[in-house]
Each structure stands twice: as structure tokens, then as C-alpha cells.
Amino acid sequence: MEDKSFGRVESISKEHRHQSYWDMFATWVGANANNGTWYVGGVIAACGFATASTTLIIVGVITYFLLALSGYMGYKTGLPAMALTRASFGLKGSFLPSVINIVQFIGWAAVNTFIAATSISYILHDVLGWPVYGKSGGLKGLISGIIVMSILHLLSISMGEKSVRIIERIGIILVFILVIWESIVVFQNVSLSEIVSWHAPAALKMTPGQAVDVLAAFNLAWVTAASDFTRFSKKRSSSTWAPFFGANLGLIWFAMIGIISTIATAITLNHFDANNSDPSTIASKLGLGVLAMLVIIITSTTANAVNLMSAGSALTNMTKRLSLTFSIVLVTIVAVFVTFIPIFYSTFLNVFTAFLDGIGMFLGPEIAIFLTDFYIVAKRKYHVDHFASRTGKYWYTGGINWIAFASWLIAVLAYGYIKTVAVLANSVGATFISMLIAAVIYLVVSRMANHGQLQED
């Protein structure tokens, strides 16, 4: 009997799937070819070019392999990501992953909006003579930018999944032009050998482990959004390989330009400040002008189309009273207010790194449990007709799978502890270790519980 408190979970049938391999590839390239990725590249530039670029590739391959695994779940079941967590966390228990997803995707939307709003403040400076953000009186330009970006986001998500596909296609072309343009400007002023040999001052240097955690948190954010898009895929390869290669291309492509341009700016000015890693500041210092700022604004819109759709999808998993369209509009409005938070802190970088740390701590273990349940415990077989039933196998105890909750909580606490162990935190980071802890505990205890049930039967 259907559980009315959760509503019907609708799977996308194969005849209604229209996303080709290249549609999906473009979606995931565009998801990472944006301001946030550029900024992350600028942040990890503090490791030096060799460490930053190597860590970028290794972490990208690992995390987006998990993205491909999550993408296949959407293709296999036709269900959105947060609905799928009902199988591992329970019908009511899935509220935990949903809340984490809503918070993190609203956070990412706010990050991209803030960076794009900074670009608008530069444009308003050039056109109207307003002070840029960061200077006395510059807050007016930033607030105007946030308002403009919020209107653009509402327009971009007004057509739902179709609008995302259109925006991504336009965004990829513009991003490609910007990256080539900036690369030419950078290498006209600084040689590759200078960039490779550059090192951050000792007081500002980032360890490899810190870089791993920054990149893992950034990349893992997309894993819980994969099924929201791959369930529309026509073929299995469109749900797995297309996200894997597309997300990695966007990541390496744009983070690398963030690394290179941040180091080039530091060499040119003979001064390194990670707070100046955002695209708007770098584009201004490199003299790229208004056109570059406009591209930054558009790429923010492409990334946030995915962020806001995923946050809206997570919200619909928590209540049947809100349609997907209304949920997306609601989270977009909330994201507007969240965007103002960095204004009240000393630097945007402090807010950004604290946000990433939170994602790694709370999201990593959730993903580990989510994937372990489907691929190992359930052996890739979910019963879709049980996803909204109090009498189904996913009701567990009062709607919550306490094994998943306990595994998640232990791994979250382990993350905090690992951060205090310098030899681990500075070498491999805390994220992947805490994920492994969550997966192992969940798998062992789940099998013990299943074995006990079989003996009782």
C-alpha cells in the first residue's frame, strides 16, 4: 500500500529518455567549466604547479568514477538521486541526504553567484564608474550583481531540464573562447617554466592532503546529482562514461587555467594572495576587460542551472506538496539570501574553505553508504515499487535505516579526528579515509543484520 506521506516515486521510462551521449557529456563539461572550478584551481595553486596539477588529475579520476557509478543508478532505476537514498537510509531517513544536498547545492549556487556578482561590479565600474567590490563603496556594485544574477538564474531554470541543456551548449562555446584567450594573455607575460618553478611563500603553502580534501569536496558535490540527469539517458554509456569524461574535462580544463592564471598573476605582481584567486580579480589584473567578465557571468548561470535543479529535486523528496518547478524557484530565492553571507566575513576565501570542509565531512560518508548499498548490499537490484510503501523493505524501523545513520555518524566523527592527525591530514587528507570507514562499517553491519534475519527465518 502506498505511503501517502511520501507520495508516488515515479521512474522515467525508457521511451521518455531523450538525452544522447553528447548531451550528457556537454552537461557535465558545463557543470565544471565555471567560476567555482576556476576558483578552486586558484586556491590549490598554493601547493605549487606540480603538486596542484597532479592532485587535480588523481582526485578527479577517483571522484568522477564514483560519479559514473551514481549515474548508472539513475539509468538503471529511472529515479532521481535523493529518491534513491530511500533504499539505503530509509524512506524517512532519506531526509538526511536530502537536507545535505539542499544545503550544499544552495551553497554552490551562492558561491558561483558571488563570484559572478563580483564580475558585474567590475563591469559597473567600467561603464558607470562605480567602485569595484573590495574598495570603499563597492558593496553597491556587488548587491546589484547579486540581483542581476538571481534574475538570470530564475530565467535559466524556468524551462526545467530542457533549459539546462540549451544553456550548457551555449556556455561550453563561450568558456572555450575565454580559456584560449586567457591562456594567450598569460603566456605572453609569463613563461611556462616560470609557472612550473614557482612556489608559494612558506606561510601560505598548502599541503597535498589539504589539496586532496579541497578537490574531493568540490568534486563529490556532483555525485549526488548524477541520477537527476542520467535517468534521462538513452544508453548506459551516456549515464556513465559521458559524466566521467565530461566532468573530468571540465574540471582539469578550468581548474588548470585557475592554477596557471593565479600563479602567473603572483609572478607578475611579485605577490601571492589566495584571496585574489577568483576569476573576476584575475581577469581584471590580466587586463581581459568587460567581455571576459560577461563570459564569467554566463558560465555561472550554466553551473547554477545544475545546482538549483539538484537542490529542487532534493526538496521534492522531502514533501509531495511541492512540484519540482516550484521547489527549484524556492531554492533559487533562498540561494539569493545565502549569497550575502560572505559579505559579513573578513574574506570570501575563509567562507569558501569552511564550506568545502563541511561538504567533505558530511557528504563523503553519505555517498559511500549510498553506493555501497546499491552495488554490494543490494547487488544492483532495487525494488522501485517499495520506494513509497510503509510495508516495503525500505521502511526499515520507523522509516529509518539506523545502520546507515550510525555508519554515517561514525565516519563524520572520524573525519574530524583525522583532521587533527597531521601525518594523515597533510598527506592523503580526511575525505577518502572517512568514506572508506563509512563503507566498511555499513557493509559489515548490514551483512551481519541480514545474516541474523536469515537465521530467524
Protein backbone atom coordinates (compact mmCIF):
# COMPACT_ATOMS: atom_id res chain seq x y z
CA MET A 1 0.00 0.00 0.00
CA GLU A 2 1.41 3.38 -0.95
CA ASP A 3 2.65 5.62 1.83
CA LYS A 4 0.69 8.85 1.31
CA SER A 5 3.14 10.85 3.43
CA PHE A 6 5.82 10.34 0.79
CA GLY A 7 3.82 10.24 -2.43
CA ARG A 8 4.48 8.21 -5.51
CA VAL A 9 8.04 7.81 -6.72
CA GLU A 10 7.93 7.97 -10.49
CA SER A 11 10.57 6.27 -12.60
CA ILE A 12 11.40 7.67 -16.04
CA SER A 13 10.51 5.01 -18.60
CA LYS A 14 12.96 4.34 -21.43
CA GLU A 15 10.62 5.73 -24.10
CA HIS A 16 10.78 9.12 -22.36
CA ARG A 17 14.57 9.23 -22.25
CA HIS A 18 15.99 11.62 -24.81
CA GLN A 19 19.49 12.61 -23.63
CA SER A 20 22.19 11.44 -26.03
CA TYR A 21 25.82 10.75 -25.10
CA TRP A 22 26.87 14.20 -26.29
CA ASP A 23 24.00 15.92 -24.48
CA MET A 24 25.13 14.31 -21.24
CA PHE A 25 28.81 14.96 -22.00
CA ALA A 26 28.06 18.66 -22.57
CA THR A 27 26.04 18.85 -19.36
CA TRP A 28 28.94 17.61 -17.25
CA VAL A 29 31.62 19.60 -19.05
CA GLY A 30 29.50 22.70 -18.47
CA ALA A 31 28.87 21.73 -14.85
CA ASN A 32 32.60 22.07 -14.13
CA ALA A 33 33.62 24.70 -16.68
CA ASN A 34 32.68 27.57 -14.41
CA ASN A 35 33.79 30.14 -11.87
CA GLY A 36 33.85 27.75 -8.92
CA THR A 37 36.25 25.37 -10.68
CA TRP A 38 38.49 28.25 -11.66
CA TYR A 39 38.49 29.48 -8.07
CA VAL A 40 39.32 26.01 -6.70
CA GLY A 41 42.25 25.87 -9.12
CA GLY A 42 43.43 29.21 -7.80
CA VAL A 43 43.15 28.01 -4.20
CA ILE A 44 45.20 24.83 -4.72
CA ALA A 45 47.81 26.84 -6.65
CA ALA A 46 49.27 27.37 -3.17
CA CYS A 47 50.66 23.80 -3.50
CA GLY A 48 52.80 24.78 -6.46
CA PHE A 49 52.12 23.79 -10.05
CA ALA A 50 53.40 20.19 -9.96
CA THR A 51 51.55 19.13 -6.79
CA ALA A 52 48.38 21.03 -7.69
CA SER A 53 48.10 19.62 -11.22
CA THR A 54 48.93 16.05 -10.19
CA THR A 55 46.45 16.10 -7.30
CA LEU A 56 43.84 17.61 -9.61
CA ILE A 57 44.03 14.69 -12.04
CA ILE A 58 44.23 11.89 -9.45
CA VAL A 59 41.34 13.16 -7.33
CA GLY A 60 39.31 13.87 -10.48
CA VAL A 61 39.64 10.28 -11.72
CA ILE A 62 38.69 8.82 -8.31
CA THR A 63 35.73 11.07 -7.57
CA TYR A 64 34.25 11.00 -11.05
CA PHE A 65 34.47 7.23 -11.14
CA LEU A 66 32.03 7.49 -8.24
CA LEU A 67 30.02 9.94 -10.35
CA ALA A 68 29.78 7.31 -13.10
CA LEU A 69 28.63 4.70 -10.57
CA SER A 70 25.95 7.08 -9.32
CA GLY A 71 24.98 7.92 -12.89
CA TYR A 72 24.34 4.28 -13.69
CA MET A 73 21.93 4.08 -10.73
CA GLY A 74 19.79 6.75 -12.38
CA TYR A 75 19.86 4.95 -15.70
CA LYS A 76 19.07 1.59 -14.12
CA THR A 77 16.12 2.75 -12.00
CA GLY A 78 14.93 5.92 -13.72
CA LEU A 79 14.80 7.60 -10.30
CA PRO A 80 16.30 10.91 -9.08
CA ALA A 81 19.26 10.79 -6.70
CA MET A 82 17.53 11.65 -3.42
CA ALA A 83 14.71 9.22 -4.07
CA LEU A 84 17.38 6.53 -4.47
CA THR A 85 18.70 7.24 -0.97
CA ARG A 86 15.43 5.87 0.40
CA ALA A 87 16.79 2.38 -0.23
CA SER A 88 19.92 2.90 1.87
CA PHE A 89 18.76 5.40 4.53
CA GLY A 90 15.05 4.51 4.66
CA LEU A 91 12.00 6.44 3.48
CA LYS A 92 12.17 8.91 6.36
CA GLY A 93 15.91 8.51 6.75
CA SER A 94 16.42 9.85 3.23
CA PHE A 95 15.61 13.27 4.66
CA LEU A 96 19.23 13.42 5.94
CA PRO A 97 20.84 13.11 2.47
CA SER A 98 18.16 15.44 1.08
CA VAL A 99 18.96 18.16 3.62
CA ILE A 100 22.70 17.77 2.97
CA ASN A 101 22.07 18.04 -0.78
CA ILE A 102 19.82 21.07 -0.48
CA VAL A 103 22.35 22.88 1.71
CA GLN A 104 25.38 22.05 -0.43
CA PHE A 105 23.77 22.90 -3.79
CA ILE A 106 22.32 26.14 -2.47
CA GLY A 107 25.83 26.81 -1.15
CA TRP A 108 27.41 26.16 -4.55
CA ALA A 109 24.81 28.34 -6.25
CA ALA A 110 25.68 31.11 -3.80
CA VAL A 111 29.43 30.66 -4.42
CA ASN A 112 29.03 30.94 -8.19
CA THR A 113 26.61 33.85 -7.84
CA PHE A 114 29.00 35.74 -5.55
CA ILE A 115 31.89 35.33 -7.99
CA ALA A 116 29.71 36.39 -10.94
CA ALA A 117 28.34 39.35 -8.95
CA THR A 118 31.93 40.43 -8.37
CA SER A 119 32.37 40.40 -12.16
CA ILE A 120 29.30 42.60 -12.52
CA SER A 121 30.81 45.06 -10.04
CA TYR A 122 33.84 45.32 -12.36
CA ILE A 123 31.56 45.91 -15.36
CA LEU A 124 29.64 48.61 -13.47
CA HIS A 125 32.99 50.18 -12.59
CA ASP A 126 33.98 50.35 -16.26
CA VAL A 127 30.56 51.52 -17.51
CA LEU A 128 29.25 53.72 -14.69
CA GLY A 129 32.40 54.43 -12.69
CA TRP A 130 31.14 52.62 -9.57
CA PRO A 131 33.83 51.33 -7.17
CA VAL A 132 34.62 47.62 -7.59
CA TYR A 133 33.78 45.24 -4.76
CA GLY A 134 36.57 45.25 -2.20
CA LYS A 135 37.03 49.01 -2.45
CA SER A 136 35.23 51.69 -0.48
CA GLY A 137 31.65 51.95 -1.79
CA GLY A 138 31.98 48.74 -3.80
CA LEU A 139 29.16 46.97 -1.97
CA LYS A 140 26.61 48.72 -4.20
CA GLY A 141 28.01 47.05 -7.30
CA LEU A 142 28.11 43.63 -5.64
CA ILE A 143 24.49 43.84 -4.47
CA SER A 144 23.41 44.94 -7.93
CA GLY A 145 25.31 41.97 -9.34
CA ILE A 146 23.58 39.53 -7.00
CA ILE A 147 20.18 40.86 -8.07
CA VAL A 148 21.07 40.57 -11.77
CA MET A 149 22.40 37.03 -11.33
CA SER A 150 19.30 35.96 -9.41
CA ILE A 151 17.08 37.12 -12.26
CA LEU A 152 19.25 35.23 -14.76
CA HIS A 153 19.03 32.07 -12.63
CA LEU A 154 15.25 32.24 -12.48
CA LEU A 155 15.14 32.61 -16.25
CA SER A 156 17.58 29.74 -16.78
CA ILE A 157 15.59 27.24 -14.72
CA SER A 158 12.17 28.38 -15.96
CA MET A 159 12.09 25.64 -18.62
CA GLY A 160 13.44 22.90 -16.35
CA GLU A 161 15.72 20.18 -17.72
CA LYS A 162 15.45 21.45 -21.32
CA SER A 163 16.80 24.86 -20.37
CA VAL A 164 19.83 23.28 -18.71
CA ARG A 165 20.71 21.50 -21.95
CA ILE A 166 20.42 24.71 -24.01
CA ILE A 167 22.41 26.83 -21.53
CA GLU A 168 25.17 24.22 -21.25
CA ARG A 169 25.66 24.14 -25.04
CA ILE A 170 25.99 27.92 -25.22
CA GLY A 171 28.19 28.03 -22.13
CA ILE A 172 30.71 25.49 -23.42
CA ILE A 173 31.39 27.55 -26.55
CA LEU A 174 31.91 30.76 -24.55
CA VAL A 175 34.09 29.04 -21.96
CA PHE A 176 36.26 27.55 -24.68
CA ILE A 177 36.84 31.01 -26.16
CA LEU A 178 37.63 32.53 -22.74
CA VAL A 179 40.13 29.83 -21.78
CA ILE A 180 42.05 30.17 -25.07
CA TRP A 181 42.00 33.95 -24.76
CA GLU A 182 43.25 33.93 -21.18
CA SER A 183 45.93 31.34 -21.95
CA ILE A 184 47.30 33.55 -24.72
CA VAL A 185 47.37 36.59 -22.41
CA VAL A 186 49.03 34.63 -19.58
CA PHE A 187 51.81 33.17 -21.69
CA GLN A 188 52.51 36.49 -23.35
CA ASN A 189 53.60 37.77 -19.94
CA VAL A 190 54.88 34.70 -18.08
CA SER A 191 56.69 31.61 -19.39
CA LEU A 192 55.63 28.06 -18.60
CA SER A 193 58.98 27.36 -16.93
CA GLU A 194 58.39 30.28 -14.54
CA ILE A 195 54.95 28.91 -13.63
CA VAL A 196 56.27 25.37 -13.08
CA SER A 197 59.15 26.53 -10.87
CA TRP A 198 57.08 28.98 -8.78
CA HIS A 199 56.39 28.17 -5.10
CA ALA A 200 54.09 29.89 -2.64
CA PRO A 201 55.61 31.55 0.42
CA ALA A 202 56.02 29.05 3.28
CA ALA A 203 53.34 30.73 5.40
CA LEU A 204 50.76 30.40 2.59
CA LYS A 205 51.78 27.00 1.24
CA MET A 206 49.08 24.30 1.05
CA THR A 207 49.90 20.64 1.78
CA PRO A 208 48.95 17.81 -0.63
CA GLY A 209 46.44 16.47 1.90
CA GLN A 210 44.70 19.83 2.14
CA ALA A 211 44.51 19.97 -1.66
CA VAL A 212 43.02 16.46 -1.75
CA ASP A 213 40.28 17.46 0.69
CA VAL A 214 39.51 20.68 -1.20
CA LEU A 215 39.23 18.88 -4.54
CA ALA A 216 37.37 15.87 -3.14
CA ALA A 217 34.75 18.09 -1.54
CA PHE A 218 34.38 20.09 -4.74
CA ASN A 219 34.06 17.01 -6.98
CA LEU A 220 31.88 14.88 -4.72
CA ALA A 221 29.19 17.56 -4.76
CA TRP A 222 28.20 16.37 -8.25
CA VAL A 223 27.98 12.68 -7.33
CA THR A 224 24.66 13.09 -5.54
CA ALA A 225 23.25 14.99 -8.54
CA ALA A 226 24.16 12.44 -11.21
CA SER A 227 20.92 10.46 -11.23
CA ASP A 228 18.83 13.62 -11.58
CA PHE A 229 20.20 13.89 -15.12
CA THR A 230 21.35 10.41 -16.14
CA ARG A 231 17.86 8.96 -15.68
CA PHE A 232 17.05 10.76 -18.92
CA SER A 233 19.89 8.97 -20.77
CA LYS A 234 19.09 6.83 -23.80
CA LYS A 235 22.05 4.48 -23.33
CA ARG A 236 24.09 3.17 -20.43
CA SER A 237 27.30 4.76 -21.73
CA SER A 238 25.54 8.13 -21.64
CA SER A 239 24.95 7.68 -17.91
CA THR A 240 28.46 6.50 -17.02
CA TRP A 241 31.27 7.38 -19.42
CA ALA A 242 29.75 10.69 -20.54
CA PRO A 243 29.62 12.10 -16.97
CA PHE A 244 33.07 10.64 -16.16
CA PHE A 245 34.85 12.15 -19.16
CA GLY A 246 32.76 15.33 -19.29
CA ALA A 247 33.21 16.22 -15.62
CA ASN A 248 36.94 15.43 -15.73
CA LEU A 249 37.43 17.52 -18.86
CA GLY A 250 35.61 20.48 -17.32
CA LEU A 251 37.50 20.09 -14.05
CA ILE A 252 41.01 19.75 -15.48
CA TRP A 253 40.36 22.35 -18.15
CA PHE A 254 39.06 25.12 -15.92
CA ALA A 255 40.90 24.36 -12.66
CA MET A 256 44.15 24.23 -14.62
CA ILE A 257 43.55 27.69 -16.02
CA GLY A 258 42.81 28.78 -12.44
CA ILE A 259 46.14 27.33 -11.28
CA ILE A 260 48.12 28.84 -14.14
CA SER A 261 46.49 32.29 -14.08
CA THR A 262 46.77 32.60 -10.29
CA ILE A 263 50.47 31.70 -10.36
CA ALA A 264 51.04 33.99 -13.36
CA THR A 265 49.36 36.86 -11.51
CA ALA A 266 51.51 36.17 -8.42
CA ILE A 267 54.68 36.23 -10.56
CA THR A 268 53.63 39.39 -12.40
CA LEU A 269 52.75 41.28 -9.21
CA ASN A 270 55.52 39.62 -7.17
CA HIS A 271 52.87 38.88 -4.55
CA PHE A 272 50.66 35.85 -3.87
CA ASP A 273 47.29 36.13 -2.17
CA ALA A 274 44.84 33.22 -2.39
CA ASN A 275 42.02 35.71 -1.79
CA ASN A 276 42.69 37.04 -5.30
CA SER A 277 42.08 33.64 -6.94
CA ASP A 278 38.58 34.43 -8.16
CA PRO A 279 38.15 34.81 -11.94
CA SER A 280 36.98 38.43 -11.79
CA THR A 281 40.05 39.66 -9.90
CA ILE A 282 42.44 37.69 -12.09
CA ALA A 283 40.73 38.75 -15.34
CA SER A 284 40.96 42.36 -14.20
CA LYS A 285 44.64 42.10 -13.23
CA LEU A 286 45.41 40.45 -16.57
CA GLY A 287 43.54 43.23 -18.39
CA LEU A 288 40.97 41.00 -20.09
CA GLY A 289 38.19 43.58 -19.90
CA VAL A 290 34.37 43.58 -19.87
CA LEU A 291 33.93 40.74 -22.36
CA ALA A 292 35.73 38.30 -20.07
CA MET A 293 33.50 39.40 -17.19
CA LEU A 294 30.40 38.71 -19.29
CA VAL A 295 31.62 35.19 -20.05
CA ILE A 296 32.22 34.61 -16.32
CA ILE A 297 28.64 35.69 -15.65
CA ILE A 298 27.23 33.33 -18.29
CA THR A 299 29.29 30.36 -17.09
CA SER A 300 27.98 30.97 -13.58
CA THR A 301 24.47 30.65 -14.97
CA THR A 302 25.31 27.33 -16.67
CA ALA A 303 26.69 25.79 -13.48
CA ASN A 304 23.89 27.08 -11.31
CA ALA A 305 21.25 25.62 -13.60
CA VAL A 306 22.54 22.20 -12.49
CA ASN A 307 22.97 23.27 -8.83
CA LEU A 308 19.47 24.66 -8.49
CA MET A 309 17.77 21.78 -10.27
CA SER A 310 19.51 19.30 -7.96
CA ALA A 311 18.60 21.27 -4.83
CA GLY A 312 14.99 21.46 -6.01
CA SER A 313 14.92 17.73 -6.73
CA ALA A 314 16.20 17.01 -3.20
CA LEU A 315 13.45 19.17 -1.74
CA THR A 316 10.72 17.25 -3.60
CA ASN A 317 11.98 14.04 -1.96
CA MET A 318 11.02 15.51 1.41
CA THR A 319 7.47 16.53 0.59
CA LYS A 320 4.88 15.71 -2.06
CA ARG A 321 3.23 19.11 -1.65
CA LEU A 322 5.80 20.95 -3.80
CA SER A 323 6.22 20.45 -7.52
CA LEU A 324 9.72 20.29 -8.96
CA THR A 325 9.33 23.67 -10.68
CA PHE A 326 8.15 25.40 -7.50
CA SER A 327 10.90 23.71 -5.47
CA ILE A 328 13.57 24.99 -7.88
CA VAL A 329 12.18 28.52 -7.68
CA LEU A 330 12.10 28.29 -3.88
CA VAL A 331 15.73 27.14 -3.52
CA THR A 332 16.79 29.81 -6.02
CA ILE A 333 15.24 32.50 -3.81
CA VAL A 334 16.92 31.03 -0.72
CA ALA A 335 20.25 30.98 -2.59
CA VAL A 336 19.91 34.74 -3.15
CA PHE A 337 19.93 35.38 0.61
CA VAL A 338 22.75 32.87 1.21
CA THR A 339 24.89 34.73 -1.34
CA PHE A 340 25.07 37.71 1.03
CA ILE A 341 26.74 35.67 3.83
CA PRO A 342 30.38 36.21 2.67
CA ILE A 343 29.87 39.98 2.99
CA PHE A 344 29.86 39.61 6.78
CA TYR A 345 33.20 37.76 6.91
CA SER A 346 36.73 39.06 6.51
CA THR A 347 37.34 37.25 3.21
CA PHE A 348 35.38 35.16 0.72
CA LEU A 349 38.18 32.56 0.86
CA ASN A 350 37.50 31.85 4.56
CA VAL A 351 33.82 31.19 3.88
CA PHE A 352 34.65 29.09 0.81
CA THR A 353 37.15 26.79 2.55
CA ALA A 354 34.86 26.31 5.58
CA PHE A 355 32.05 25.38 3.17
CA LEU A 356 34.27 22.83 1.41
CA ASP A 357 35.31 21.33 4.72
CA GLY A 358 31.67 20.84 5.64
CA ILE A 359 30.92 19.13 2.33
CA GLY A 360 33.80 16.70 2.77
CA MET A 361 32.76 15.88 6.33
CA PHE A 362 29.02 15.33 5.80
CA LEU A 363 28.66 14.44 2.12
CA GLY A 364 31.54 11.98 1.66
CA PRO A 365 30.25 9.32 4.10
CA GLU A 366 26.72 9.68 2.71
CA ILE A 367 27.97 8.91 -0.81
CA ALA A 368 29.98 5.93 0.43
CA ILE A 369 26.88 4.40 2.05
CA PHE A 370 24.68 5.26 -0.91
CA LEU A 371 26.95 3.45 -3.40
CA THR A 372 27.86 0.54 -1.12
CA ASP A 373 24.20 -0.25 -0.57
CA PHE A 374 23.33 -0.37 -4.27
CA TYR A 375 26.39 -2.13 -5.67
CA ILE A 376 27.32 -4.54 -2.87
CA VAL A 377 24.49 -4.97 -0.37
CA ALA A 378 21.59 -4.88 -2.87
CA LYS A 379 23.70 -6.23 -5.77
CA ARG A 380 22.34 -3.56 -8.18
CA LYS A 381 18.73 -4.61 -7.65
CA TYR A 382 16.33 -2.08 -6.15
CA HIS A 383 12.56 -2.64 -5.92
CA VAL A 384 11.10 0.60 -7.22
CA ASP A 385 7.58 -0.35 -6.05
CA HIS A 386 8.85 -0.33 -2.44
CA PHE A 387 10.15 3.23 -2.53
CA ALA A 388 6.93 4.76 -1.15
CA SER A 389 5.50 1.92 0.93
CA ARG A 390 5.34 1.54 4.71
CA THR A 391 5.08 -2.22 4.22
CA GLY A 392 8.05 -2.38 1.80
CA LYS A 393 11.63 -3.41 2.54
CA TYR A 394 12.88 0.19 2.63
CA TRP A 395 10.73 1.16 5.63
CA TYR A 396 13.25 -0.49 7.98
CA THR A 397 12.49 0.62 11.58
CA GLY A 398 10.06 3.51 11.64
CA GLY A 399 11.18 4.58 8.17
CA ILE A 400 14.88 4.84 9.09
CA ASN A 401 17.80 2.52 8.41
CA TRP A 402 19.70 3.02 11.65
CA ILE A 403 22.69 1.09 10.32
CA ALA A 404 23.17 3.75 7.65
CA PHE A 405 22.76 6.55 10.19
CA ALA A 406 25.25 5.03 12.65
CA SER A 407 27.79 4.38 9.87
CA TRP A 408 27.43 7.95 8.65
CA LEU A 409 27.81 9.48 12.11
CA ILE A 410 30.91 7.41 12.97
CA ALA A 411 32.53 8.41 9.67
CA VAL A 412 31.71 12.10 10.25
CA LEU A 413 33.37 11.94 13.67
CA ALA A 414 36.33 10.09 12.12
CA TYR A 415 36.72 12.90 9.57
CA GLY A 416 37.03 15.44 12.37
CA TYR A 417 39.60 13.29 14.18
CA ILE A 418 41.69 12.61 11.06
CA LYS A 419 41.96 16.37 10.52
CA THR A 420 43.88 16.53 13.82
CA VAL A 421 46.37 13.81 12.79
CA ALA A 422 48.96 15.81 10.85
CA VAL A 423 50.61 12.85 9.10
CA LEU A 424 47.25 11.89 7.52
CA ALA A 425 45.68 15.32 7.10
CA ASN A 426 48.75 16.70 5.29
CA SER A 427 49.38 13.69 3.04
CA VAL A 428 46.14 12.00 1.91
CA GLY A 429 43.53 14.14 3.63
CA ALA A 430 40.49 13.09 5.64
CA THR A 431 37.77 12.75 3.00
CA PHE A 432 38.60 9.43 1.35
CA ILE A 433 39.55 7.76 4.65
CA SER A 434 36.23 8.75 6.24
CA MET A 435 34.38 7.47 3.16
CA LEU A 436 36.16 4.13 3.40
CA ILE A 437 35.28 3.90 7.10
CA ALA A 438 31.59 4.57 6.33
CA ALA A 439 31.52 1.97 3.53
CA VAL A 440 33.22 -0.77 5.56
CA ILE A 441 31.09 -0.26 8.67
CA TYR A 442 27.87 -0.15 6.64
CA LEU A 443 28.76 -3.25 4.64
CA VAL A 444 29.86 -5.36 7.62
CA VAL A 445 26.95 -4.45 9.88
CA SER A 446 24.39 -4.78 7.05
CA ARG A 447 25.62 -8.27 6.25
CA MET A 448 25.56 -9.22 9.92
CA ALA A 449 21.98 -7.94 10.19
CA ASN A 450 20.91 -9.75 7.01
CA HIS A 451 22.56 -12.96 8.24
CA GLY A 452 20.69 -12.67 11.53
CA GLN A 453 17.38 -12.21 9.72
CA LEU A 454 18.03 -15.28 7.55
CA GLN A 455 18.71 -17.39 10.66
CA GLU A 456 15.46 -16.19 12.26
CA ASP A 457 13.52 -17.02 9.08
